């Protein structure tokens, strides 16, 4: 018979690393797009 699941017993360190990596990529992509748009506005005025 299968073991009973105990809430909070699973090791989620890999999922946490992946999530933090995703947030970092999202943050830097957003910042890059904003900087690019500002530069584009300044060049084309």
Protein backbone atom coordinates (compact mmCIF):
# COMPACT_ATOMS: atom_id res chain seq x y z
CA UNK A 1 0.00 0.00 0.00
CA UNK A 2 1.21 3.55 -0.72
CA UNK A 3 2.56 5.73 2.05
CA UNK A 4 0.45 8.55 3.37
CA UNK A 5 1.51 11.94 2.10
CA UNK A 6 2.82 14.24 4.82
CA UNK A 7 2.32 17.90 3.97
CA UNK A 8 5.62 19.78 3.83
CA UNK A 9 7.84 16.71 3.73
CA UNK A 10 8.95 16.99 0.09
CA UNK A 11 12.32 18.56 -0.76
CA UNK A 12 11.52 21.53 -2.97
CA UNK A 13 14.98 23.14 -3.16
CA UNK A 14 15.26 22.51 -6.92
CA UNK A 15 11.83 24.02 -7.57
CA UNK A 16 12.78 27.06 -5.48
CA UNK A 17 16.01 27.54 -7.46
CA UNK A 18 14.12 27.28 -10.72
CA UNK A 19 11.48 29.78 -9.57
CA UNK A 20 14.10 32.28 -8.38
CA UNK A 21 15.93 31.90 -11.69
CA UNK A 22 12.69 32.55 -13.56
CA UNK A 23 12.05 35.68 -11.49
CA UNK A 24 15.59 36.93 -12.13
CA UNK A 25 15.26 36.42 -15.89
CA UNK A 26 11.86 38.13 -15.89
CA UNK A 27 13.21 41.09 -13.91
CA UNK A 28 16.26 41.62 -16.14
CA UNK A 29 14.24 41.18 -19.33
CA UNK A 30 11.74 43.79 -18.16
CA UNK A 31 14.51 46.22 -17.21
CA UNK A 32 16.23 45.67 -20.58
CA UNK A 33 13.03 46.34 -22.52
CA UNK A 34 12.35 49.53 -20.56
CA UNK A 35 15.91 50.79 -21.13
CA UNK A 36 15.65 49.92 -24.83
CA UNK A 37 12.37 51.83 -25.15
CA UNK A 38 13.83 54.86 -23.37
CA UNK A 39 16.87 54.85 -25.66
CA UNK A 40 14.65 54.43 -28.71
CA UNK A 41 12.57 57.40 -27.60
CA UNK A 42 15.69 59.53 -27.00
CA UNK A 43 17.19 58.68 -30.40
CA UNK A 44 14.01 59.20 -32.42
CA UNK A 45 12.73 62.00 -30.22
